[in-house]
């Protein structure tokens, strides 16, 4: 199957996850039950979802010149990702997230951007050929904002479609929004971008209208268990997701984004691509962790066959 090329620009983190009964108070030491290091970062999660879904994908990102950075690059390559645009930055450590999870399943997270902060506009310029050669560029907001803008400008010059997953939530300039072809916020992110609080399909349609007015043709607002509000050129519909027993929702949105763009680059119609992405995300939430939970193409295809 001839697929279009995808470039993903974004973050790479090593997630250090420690399970505790209760969070430590200042000055207190508590004994953890279970410790794991899992690879994460929104950019890497979305790249992995695309790679495992069968995309022809290159990933523009930075790791530290450290052992974990090398291991992550190796793992990404095994996930069918071209990692030649992943730079090891001298003197930097790979991004880390230190995550405590308590007995109630709540988490408390501290993040060090590390090498992710080195993905500067100058470094983005070095990879402009990767963006120019791609049919689509997928980004999130764990990279410096001026670099996201620089990449969107390069994409526009080369007729590369720009897809933005505006997470973590932050306000964005009209200059950046006007360069975006497709945006995929969740309800919280959509509210920050539009000022519309989303509780119903009508609210979602109203938020989508605000984003269309900023010059974005395709808006997909993810609504958790209620599915996705899809609005193209102002025509909207809600596409329901699949009901599964969730274990944890880490990387569900990232899986959705990576799988969605892969399906679109293969020429699937938008509603069919959304259904494919819903299926991939549904599998991901039934498994723990970020990248370990992301399904491979044959898993998603067979899940969809069982839904017929």
Protein backbone atom coordinates (compact mmCIF):
# COMPACT_ATOMS: atom_id res chain seq x y z
CA UNK A 1 0.00 0.00 0.00
CA UNK A 2 1.51 3.35 -1.02
CA UNK A 3 1.45 5.66 1.99
CA UNK A 4 2.39 9.30 2.26
CA UNK A 5 5.42 10.26 4.33
CA UNK A 6 4.98 11.50 7.90
CA UNK A 7 7.34 13.69 9.93
CA UNK A 8 6.78 13.90 13.69
CA UNK A 9 8.45 16.67 15.70
CA UNK A 10 8.40 16.41 19.48
CA UNK A 11 9.64 15.27 22.85
CA UNK A 12 11.35 12.17 24.19
CA UNK A 13 11.30 11.32 27.91
CA UNK A 14 12.32 8.45 30.10
CA UNK A 15 9.45 7.96 32.57
CA UNK A 16 10.61 6.77 36.01
CA UNK A 17 7.48 5.40 37.68
CA UNK A 18 7.35 4.47 41.37
CA UNK A 19 4.21 3.03 42.97
CA UNK A 20 3.65 4.07 46.60
CA UNK A 21 0.82 3.58 49.07
CA UNK A 22 0.79 7.31 49.89
CA UNK A 23 2.75 10.30 48.58
CA UNK A 24 5.70 11.30 50.84
CA UNK A 25 5.27 14.47 52.91
CA UNK A 26 8.19 16.95 52.95
CA UNK A 27 11.13 15.33 54.78
CA UNK A 28 9.48 11.90 54.76
CA UNK A 29 10.87 8.78 53.06
CA UNK A 30 8.35 6.16 51.97
CA UNK A 31 9.09 2.71 50.60
CA UNK A 32 7.84 2.09 47.07
CA UNK A 33 6.26 -1.14 45.84
CA UNK A 34 7.04 -1.23 42.16
CA UNK A 35 9.52 0.71 40.05
CA UNK A 36 9.83 0.82 36.28
CA UNK A 37 11.45 2.92 33.61
CA UNK A 38 9.24 3.27 30.54
CA UNK A 39 9.87 5.37 27.46
CA UNK A 40 7.49 8.28 26.97
CA UNK A 41 7.21 11.90 25.87
CA UNK A 42 4.27 12.94 23.70
CA UNK A 43 6.32 13.23 20.52
CA UNK A 44 7.87 9.79 20.93
CA UNK A 45 4.53 8.20 21.91
CA UNK A 46 2.86 9.57 18.76
CA UNK A 47 5.81 8.53 16.60
CA UNK A 48 5.63 4.99 18.02
CA UNK A 49 1.86 4.84 17.41
CA UNK A 50 2.42 5.85 13.79
CA UNK A 51 5.39 3.52 13.29
CA UNK A 52 3.56 0.51 14.73
CA UNK A 53 0.47 1.40 12.68
CA UNK A 54 2.53 1.16 9.49
CA UNK A 55 3.41 4.79 8.68
CA UNK A 56 6.48 5.80 6.67
CA UNK A 57 7.78 8.03 9.44
CA UNK A 58 10.78 10.20 10.40
CA UNK A 59 11.06 11.65 13.90
CA UNK A 60 12.71 15.02 14.64
CA UNK A 61 13.72 15.13 18.32
CA UNK A 62 16.63 15.40 20.77
CA UNK A 63 18.03 13.01 23.36
CA UNK A 64 20.99 13.43 25.71
CA UNK A 65 24.42 11.98 25.06
CA UNK A 66 23.67 9.32 27.66
CA UNK A 67 22.98 5.62 27.87
CA UNK A 68 19.18 6.03 28.13
CA UNK A 69 19.15 8.28 25.04
CA UNK A 70 20.96 5.59 23.07
CA UNK A 71 18.54 2.90 24.31
CA UNK A 72 15.53 5.01 23.38
CA UNK A 73 16.86 5.62 19.83
CA UNK A 74 17.40 1.88 19.44
CA UNK A 75 13.86 1.13 20.64
CA UNK A 76 12.33 3.76 18.31
CA UNK A 77 14.18 2.21 15.35
CA UNK A 78 12.64 -1.17 16.27
CA UNK A 79 9.23 0.54 16.15
CA UNK A 80 9.74 1.24 12.41
CA UNK A 81 10.77 4.88 12.85
CA UNK A 82 13.54 6.62 10.91
CA UNK A 83 15.61 8.04 13.78
CA UNK A 84 18.29 9.78 11.70
CA UNK A 85 16.77 13.20 12.66
CA UNK A 86 16.97 12.29 16.39
CA UNK A 87 20.01 14.24 17.64
CA UNK A 88 22.13 13.29 20.66
CA UNK A 89 22.95 16.67 22.28
CA UNK A 90 26.40 16.88 23.93
CA UNK A 91 26.34 17.77 27.62
CA UNK A 92 22.56 17.28 27.96
CA UNK A 93 20.61 14.54 29.67
CA UNK A 94 17.63 12.88 28.00
CA UNK A 95 14.30 14.34 29.20
CA UNK A 96 12.89 12.71 32.32
CA UNK A 97 9.54 12.47 34.02
CA UNK A 98 9.63 11.40 37.68
CA UNK A 99 6.22 9.91 38.44
CA UNK A 100 4.86 8.86 41.83
CA UNK A 101 1.62 6.85 41.69
CA UNK A 102 -0.29 6.42 44.96
CA UNK A 103 -2.68 3.66 46.08
CA UNK A 104 -5.67 5.57 44.65
CA UNK A 105 -4.06 5.61 41.18
CA UNK A 106 -3.42 9.37 41.39
CA UNK A 107 -0.07 10.56 40.14
CA UNK A 108 2.28 13.36 40.97
CA UNK A 109 4.83 14.22 38.26
CA UNK A 110 7.98 16.31 37.96
CA UNK A 111 9.51 16.83 34.51
CA UNK A 112 13.00 17.87 33.43
CA UNK A 113 12.99 18.87 29.75
CA UNK A 114 16.68 18.06 29.37
CA UNK A 115 17.62 17.62 25.71
CA UNK A 116 14.02 18.41 24.62
CA UNK A 117 14.79 22.10 25.28
CA UNK A 118 17.62 21.85 22.71
CA UNK A 119 15.14 21.36 19.85
CA UNK A 120 15.62 25.03 18.90
CA UNK A 121 14.39 26.80 15.73
CA UNK A 122 18.01 26.58 14.42
CA UNK A 123 17.94 22.82 14.90
CA UNK A 124 14.51 22.61 13.22
CA UNK A 125 16.02 24.46 10.22
CA UNK A 126 18.67 21.71 9.93
CA UNK A 127 15.88 19.20 9.41
CA UNK A 128 13.83 21.29 7.00
CA UNK A 129 14.36 18.71 4.23
CA UNK A 130 12.67 16.05 6.39
CA UNK A 131 9.65 18.37 6.77
CA UNK A 132 9.70 19.37 3.08
CA UNK A 133 9.76 15.72 1.95
CA UNK A 134 6.83 14.75 4.17
CA UNK A 135 3.13 14.84 3.24
CA UNK A 136 2.22 15.62 6.85
CA UNK A 137 3.93 17.05 9.95
CA UNK A 138 2.56 16.04 13.37
CA UNK A 139 3.53 18.10 16.46
CA UNK A 140 2.63 18.58 20.14
CA UNK A 141 3.58 21.24 22.69
CA UNK A 142 6.33 19.62 24.77
CA UNK A 143 8.90 21.26 22.44
CA UNK A 144 9.80 24.98 22.54
CA UNK A 145 6.88 26.97 21.05
CA UNK A 146 9.09 29.00 18.71
CA UNK A 147 10.38 25.72 17.26
CA UNK A 148 6.84 24.47 16.68
CA UNK A 149 6.12 27.73 14.85
CA UNK A 150 9.35 27.47 12.79
CA UNK A 151 8.48 23.90 11.75
CA UNK A 152 4.91 24.94 10.80
CA UNK A 153 6.31 27.75 8.64
CA UNK A 154 8.67 25.35 6.80
CA UNK A 155 5.77 22.91 6.31
CA UNK A 156 3.55 25.60 4.82
CA UNK A 157 6.27 26.64 2.35
CA UNK A 158 6.50 23.04 1.10
CA UNK A 159 2.75 22.18 1.05
CA UNK A 160 3.24 19.74 3.95
CA UNK A 161 0.02 19.44 5.98
CA UNK A 162 0.42 20.57 9.60
CA UNK A 163 -1.34 18.58 12.35
CA UNK A 164 -1.10 19.91 15.91
CA UNK A 165 -2.05 18.04 19.06
CA UNK A 166 -2.09 21.09 21.39
CA UNK A 167 -0.95 19.24 24.53
CA UNK A 168 -0.03 20.02 27.23
CA UNK A 169 -2.64 22.78 27.21
CA UNK A 170 -1.44 26.31 26.64
CA UNK A 171 -2.59 29.46 24.83
CA UNK A 172 -1.32 29.72 21.24
CA UNK A 173 -0.73 32.69 18.94
CA UNK A 174 -3.06 33.35 16.02
CA UNK A 175 0.08 33.28 13.86
CA UNK A 176 0.68 29.62 14.74
CA UNK A 177 -3.02 28.66 14.57
CA UNK A 178 -3.33 30.12 11.06
CA UNK A 179 -0.63 27.67 9.83
CA UNK A 180 -2.44 24.56 11.10
CA UNK A 181 -4.46 22.28 8.81
CA UNK A 182 -5.77 19.96 11.53
CA UNK A 183 -5.92 20.33 15.31
CA UNK A 184 -6.72 17.60 17.84
CA UNK A 185 -7.33 19.08 21.31
CA UNK A 186 -9.10 17.34 24.19
CA UNK A 187 -11.90 19.21 26.02
CA UNK A 188 -9.53 21.05 28.41
CA UNK A 189 -7.15 22.08 25.64
CA UNK A 190 -10.05 23.19 23.42
CA UNK A 191 -11.40 25.35 26.26
CA UNK A 192 -8.01 27.05 26.77
CA UNK A 193 -7.77 27.78 23.03
CA UNK A 194 -11.36 28.95 22.53
CA UNK A 195 -12.81 29.93 25.91
CA UNK A 196 -15.70 27.51 25.33
CA UNK A 197 -16.38 25.06 28.19
CA UNK A 198 -17.31 21.72 26.61
CA UNK A 199 -19.99 19.51 28.14
CA UNK A 200 -22.18 18.71 25.13
CA UNK A 201 -21.94 18.20 21.38
CA UNK A 202 -23.31 21.74 20.93
CA UNK A 203 -20.41 23.11 23.02
CA UNK A 204 -17.94 21.09 20.96
CA UNK A 205 -19.43 22.47 17.74
CA UNK A 206 -19.14 26.01 19.15
CA UNK A 207 -15.47 25.48 20.13
CA UNK A 208 -14.76 24.00 16.69
CA UNK A 209 -16.31 27.09 15.05
CA UNK A 210 -13.88 29.34 16.97
CA UNK A 211 -10.95 27.25 15.72
CA UNK A 212 -12.28 27.29 12.14
CA UNK A 213 -12.42 31.10 12.41
CA UNK A 214 -8.68 31.07 13.24
CA UNK A 215 -8.10 29.43 9.87
CA UNK A 216 -8.01 25.72 10.80
CA UNK A 217 -9.96 23.55 8.29
CA UNK A 218 -10.18 20.30 10.32
CA UNK A 219 -10.94 20.19 14.05
CA UNK A 220 -11.10 16.96 16.07
CA UNK A 221 -11.98 17.45 19.73
CA UNK A 222 -11.40 14.27 21.74
CA UNK A 223 -14.15 13.75 24.33
CA UNK A 224 -12.76 10.83 26.35
CA UNK A 225 -15.23 7.96 26.58
CA UNK A 226 -17.74 9.86 24.40
CA UNK A 227 -15.51 9.65 21.34
CA UNK A 228 -14.49 12.55 19.11
CA UNK A 229 -16.23 15.66 17.75
CA UNK A 230 -15.14 15.89 14.12
CA UNK A 231 -15.70 19.20 12.37
CA UNK A 232 -14.52 19.83 8.81
CA UNK A 233 -15.17 23.18 7.15
CA UNK A 234 -17.84 23.75 9.80
CA UNK A 235 -19.77 20.47 9.32
CA UNK A 236 -19.65 18.51 12.55
CA UNK A 237 -20.51 15.04 13.87
CA UNK A 238 -19.61 12.98 16.91
CA UNK A 239 -17.89 9.67 16.20
CA UNK A 240 -18.22 7.32 19.17
CA UNK A 241 -15.28 5.30 20.47
CA UNK A 242 -15.21 1.64 21.57
CA UNK A 243 -16.15 0.47 25.07
CA UNK A 244 -13.29 -1.41 26.78
CA UNK A 245 -12.14 -1.99 30.37
CA UNK A 246 -9.42 0.62 30.86
CA UNK A 247 -6.34 -0.16 32.95
CA UNK A 248 -4.68 3.24 32.48
CA UNK A 249 -5.19 6.04 29.99
CA UNK A 250 -1.50 7.03 29.66
CA UNK A 251 -0.72 7.64 25.95
CA UNK A 252 -4.31 7.01 24.79
CA UNK A 253 -4.48 10.42 23.12
CA UNK A 254 -1.00 9.98 21.65
CA UNK A 255 -1.96 6.58 20.23
CA UNK A 256 -5.11 8.14 18.72
CA UNK A 257 -3.08 10.88 17.00
CA UNK A 258 -0.37 8.62 15.58
CA UNK A 259 -2.88 6.07 14.29
CA UNK A 260 -5.22 8.73 12.86
CA UNK A 261 -2.56 10.42 10.72
CA UNK A 262 -1.25 7.03 9.53
CA UNK A 263 -4.75 6.08 8.33
CA UNK A 264 -5.26 9.45 6.60
CA UNK A 265 -1.91 9.16 4.80
CA UNK A 266 -3.05 5.76 3.51
CA UNK A 267 -6.03 7.47 1.93
CA UNK A 268 -8.76 6.42 4.38
CA UNK A 269 -11.76 8.75 4.53
CA UNK A 270 -11.80 10.83 7.72
CA UNK A 271 -14.64 8.97 9.54
CA UNK A 272 -12.97 5.62 8.78
CA UNK A 273 -9.57 6.98 9.92
CA UNK A 274 -11.13 8.20 13.19
CA UNK A 275 -12.62 4.74 13.75
CA UNK A 276 -9.19 3.16 13.13
CA UNK A 277 -7.61 5.60 15.62
CA UNK A 278 -10.35 4.89 18.19
CA UNK A 279 -9.56 1.17 17.89
CA UNK A 280 -5.82 1.71 18.45
CA UNK A 281 -6.51 3.93 21.49
CA UNK A 282 -9.03 1.40 22.86
CA UNK A 283 -6.33 -1.30 22.82
CA UNK A 284 -3.79 1.07 24.44
CA UNK A 285 -5.97 1.82 27.49
CA UNK A 286 -6.29 -1.90 28.29
CA UNK A 287 -2.51 -2.05 28.91
CA UNK A 288 -0.26 -0.24 31.40
CA UNK A 289 2.39 2.34 30.51
CA UNK A 290 2.96 4.73 27.61
CA UNK A 291 4.84 3.18 24.67
CA UNK A 292 4.50 -0.44 25.92
CA UNK A 293 0.70 -0.06 25.56
CA UNK A 294 0.72 1.07 21.91
CA UNK A 295 -0.65 -1.62 19.56
CA UNK A 296 0.83 -2.89 16.27
CA UNK A 297 -1.13 -2.66 13.01
CA UNK A 298 -2.33 -6.27 12.95
CA UNK A 299 -3.74 -5.90 16.49
CA UNK A 300 -5.74 -2.81 15.51
CA UNK A 301 -6.99 -4.42 12.28
CA UNK A 302 -8.14 -7.57 14.08
CA UNK A 303 -9.82 -5.49 16.83
CA UNK A 304 -11.81 -3.68 14.10
CA UNK A 305 -12.78 -6.96 12.43
CA UNK A 306 -14.26 -8.15 15.74
CA UNK A 307 -16.42 -4.97 15.89
CA UNK A 308 -18.08 -5.59 12.51
